[in-house]
Amino acid sequence: NSRASELLFDGVKEHQVTLPGQSDPWDMKQLLVWIQRNLLKERPELFVQGESVRPGILVLINDADWELMGELDYQLQDQDCIVFISTLHGG
């Protein structure tokens, strides 16, 4: 839904990010917190619910469903491509 992406991310559909260095590898749970703090402009409840993405958002990690990759526990690798697709309102 392009209107949702415009509202949530100021119309930017793709972000290339460099995450701050930390002693432990980043995981998806930490990435969602980082996105919420650094990229979401308005209404984070449209993207996150609790500690995960809200229902209706499909998450792909390097073109694979994140359910196959460990979801929130997946440890990010350099050059990973994470895609969030809204399955609501036409995707």
C-alpha atoms as a PDB file:
ATOM      1  CA  ASN A   1       0.000   0.000   0.000  1.00  0.00           C
ATOM      2  CA  SER A   2       1.880   3.067  -1.201  1.00  0.00           C
ATOM      3  CA  ARG A   3      -0.156   5.435   0.965  1.00  0.00           C
ATOM      4  CA  ALA A   4       0.860   3.488   4.062  1.00  0.00           C
ATOM      5  CA  SER A   5       4.515   3.550   3.032  1.00  0.00           C
ATOM      6  CA  GLU A   6       4.323   7.280   2.410  1.00  0.00           C
ATOM      7  CA  LEU A   7       2.815   7.832   5.827  1.00  0.00           C
ATOM      8  CA  LEU A   8       5.158   5.518   7.694  1.00  0.00           C
ATOM      9  CA  PHE A   9       8.440   6.122   5.878  1.00  0.00           C
ATOM     10  CA  ASP A  10       7.989   9.568   4.293  1.00  0.00           C
ATOM     11  CA  GLY A  11       7.312   7.980   0.903  1.00  0.00           C
ATOM     12  CA  VAL A  12      10.656   6.186   0.751  1.00  0.00           C
ATOM     13  CA  LYS A  13      10.082   2.606  -0.334  1.00  0.00           C
ATOM     14  CA  GLU A  14      13.648   1.342  -0.070  1.00  0.00           C
ATOM     15  CA  HIS A  15      16.255   2.049   2.569  1.00  0.00           C
ATOM     16  CA  GLN A  16      19.859   0.947   2.542  1.00  0.00           C
ATOM     17  CA  VAL A  17      20.969   1.051   6.144  1.00  0.00           C
ATOM     18  CA  THR A  18      24.167   0.497   8.047  1.00  0.00           C
ATOM     19  CA  LEU A  19      23.384  -0.598  11.568  1.00  0.00           C
ATOM     20  CA  PRO A  20      25.552   0.602  14.454  1.00  0.00           C
ATOM     21  CA  GLY A  21      28.243  -1.824  15.538  1.00  0.00           C
ATOM     22  CA  GLN A  22      27.560  -3.847  18.654  1.00  0.00           C
ATOM     23  CA  SER A  23      29.213  -6.796  20.381  1.00  0.00           C
ATOM     24  CA  ASP A  24      26.474  -9.303  19.504  1.00  0.00           C
ATOM     25  CA  PRO A  25      25.072  -9.808  16.001  1.00  0.00           C
ATOM     26  CA  TRP A  26      21.887  -7.907  15.200  1.00  0.00           C
ATOM     27  CA  ASP A  27      18.699  -9.942  15.066  1.00  0.00           C
ATOM     28  CA  MET A  28      15.306  -9.168  13.557  1.00  0.00           C
ATOM     29  CA  LYS A  29      13.835  -8.198  16.923  1.00  0.00           C
ATOM     30  CA  GLN A  30      16.512  -5.522  17.356  1.00  0.00           C
ATOM     31  CA  LEU A  31      16.085  -4.417  13.736  1.00  0.00           C
ATOM     32  CA  LEU A  32      12.359  -3.775  14.255  1.00  0.00           C
ATOM     33  CA  VAL A  33      13.156  -1.604  17.286  1.00  0.00           C
ATOM     34  CA  TRP A  34      15.783   0.272  15.254  1.00  0.00           C
ATOM     35  CA  ILE A  35      13.350   0.814  12.360  1.00  0.00           C
ATOM     36  CA  GLN A  36      10.727   2.097  14.763  1.00  0.00           C
ATOM     37  CA  ARG A  37      13.175   4.575  16.320  1.00  0.00           C
ATOM     38  CA  ASN A  38      14.978   5.696  13.179  1.00  0.00           C
ATOM     39  CA  LEU A  39      12.802   5.260  10.097  1.00  0.00           C
ATOM     40  CA  LEU A  40       9.141   5.351  11.080  1.00  0.00           C
ATOM     41  CA  LYS A  41       7.811   8.859  10.846  1.00  0.00           C
ATOM     42  CA  GLU A  42       4.224   8.452  12.024  1.00  0.00           C
ATOM     43  CA  ARG A  43       1.846   5.853  13.417  1.00  0.00           C
ATOM     44  CA  PRO A  44       4.233   3.008  14.270  1.00  0.00           C
ATOM     45  CA  GLU A  45       1.217   0.917  15.263  1.00  0.00           C
ATOM     46  CA  LEU A  46       0.552   0.406  11.543  1.00  0.00           C
ATOM     47  CA  PHE A  47       3.872  -1.444  11.312  1.00  0.00           C
ATOM     48  CA  VAL A  48       4.658  -2.996  14.687  1.00  0.00           C
ATOM     49  CA  GLN A  49       2.525  -4.695  17.278  1.00  0.00           C
ATOM     50  CA  GLY A  50       4.200  -5.610  20.533  1.00  0.00           C
ATOM     51  CA  GLU A  51       7.696  -6.795  19.658  1.00  0.00           C
ATOM     52  CA  SER A  52       6.890  -8.003  16.134  1.00  0.00           C
ATOM     53  CA  VAL A  53       5.336  -6.743  12.925  1.00  0.00           C
ATOM     54  CA  ARG A  54       1.579  -6.406  13.014  1.00  0.00           C
ATOM     55  CA  PRO A  55      -0.597  -9.096  11.422  1.00  0.00           C
ATOM     56  CA  GLY A  56      -0.989  -8.584   7.693  1.00  0.00           C
ATOM     57  CA  ILE A  57       2.670  -7.730   7.067  1.00  0.00           C
ATOM     58  CA  LEU A  58       4.678 -10.399   5.275  1.00  0.00           C
ATOM     59  CA  VAL A  59       8.399 -10.348   6.046  1.00  0.00           C
ATOM     60  CA  LEU A  60      10.934 -11.738   3.579  1.00  0.00           C
ATOM     61  CA  ILE A  61      14.609 -12.262   4.370  1.00  0.00           C
ATOM     62  CA  ASN A  62      16.584 -12.629   1.142  1.00  0.00           C
ATOM     63  CA  ASP A  63      13.349 -13.633  -0.656  1.00  0.00           C
ATOM     64  CA  ALA A  64      12.454 -16.328   1.911  1.00  0.00           C
ATOM     65  CA  ASP A  65       9.545 -16.137   4.353  1.00  0.00           C
ATOM     66  CA  TRP A  66      10.982 -15.149   7.709  1.00  0.00           C
ATOM     67  CA  GLU A  67       8.971 -17.951   9.340  1.00  0.00           C
ATOM     68  CA  LEU A  68      11.484 -20.322   7.717  1.00  0.00           C
ATOM     69  CA  MET A  69      14.415 -18.255   8.979  1.00  0.00           C
ATOM     70  CA  GLY A  70      13.616 -18.027  12.699  1.00  0.00           C
ATOM     71  CA  GLU A  71      11.540 -14.822  12.608  1.00  0.00           C
ATOM     72  CA  LEU A  72      12.619 -12.451  15.421  1.00  0.00           C
ATOM     73  CA  ASP A  73      15.627 -14.615  16.313  1.00  0.00           C
ATOM     74  CA  TYR A  74      17.156 -14.493  12.823  1.00  0.00           C
ATOM     75  CA  GLN A  75      20.664 -13.029  13.051  1.00  0.00           C
ATOM     76  CA  LEU A  76      21.294 -10.457  10.351  1.00  0.00           C
ATOM     77  CA  GLN A  77      24.148 -10.981   7.926  1.00  0.00           C
ATOM     78  CA  ASP A  78      25.973  -8.329   5.908  1.00  0.00           C
ATOM     79  CA  GLN A  79      24.057  -7.453   2.721  1.00  0.00           C
ATOM     80  CA  ASP A  80      20.795  -9.112   3.839  1.00  0.00           C
ATOM     81  CA  CYS A  81      17.711  -7.880   2.024  1.00  0.00           C
ATOM     82  CA  ILE A  82      14.691  -7.545   4.302  1.00  0.00           C
ATOM     83  CA  VAL A  83      11.323  -6.844   2.652  1.00  0.00           C
ATOM     84  CA  PHE A  84       8.085  -5.917   4.389  1.00  0.00           C
ATOM     85  CA  ILE A  85       4.934  -6.404   2.308  1.00  0.00           C
ATOM     86  CA  SER A  86       1.513  -5.306   3.472  1.00  0.00           C
ATOM     87  CA  THR A  87      -1.064  -7.924   2.505  1.00  0.00           C
ATOM     88  CA  LEU A  88      -3.848  -5.537   3.477  1.00  0.00           C
ATOM     89  CA  HIS A  89      -5.540  -3.052   1.144  1.00  0.00           C
ATOM     90  CA  GLY A  90      -4.104  -4.573  -2.001  1.00  0.00           C
ATOM     91  CA  GLY A  91      -0.489  -5.001  -0.811  1.00  0.00           C
END
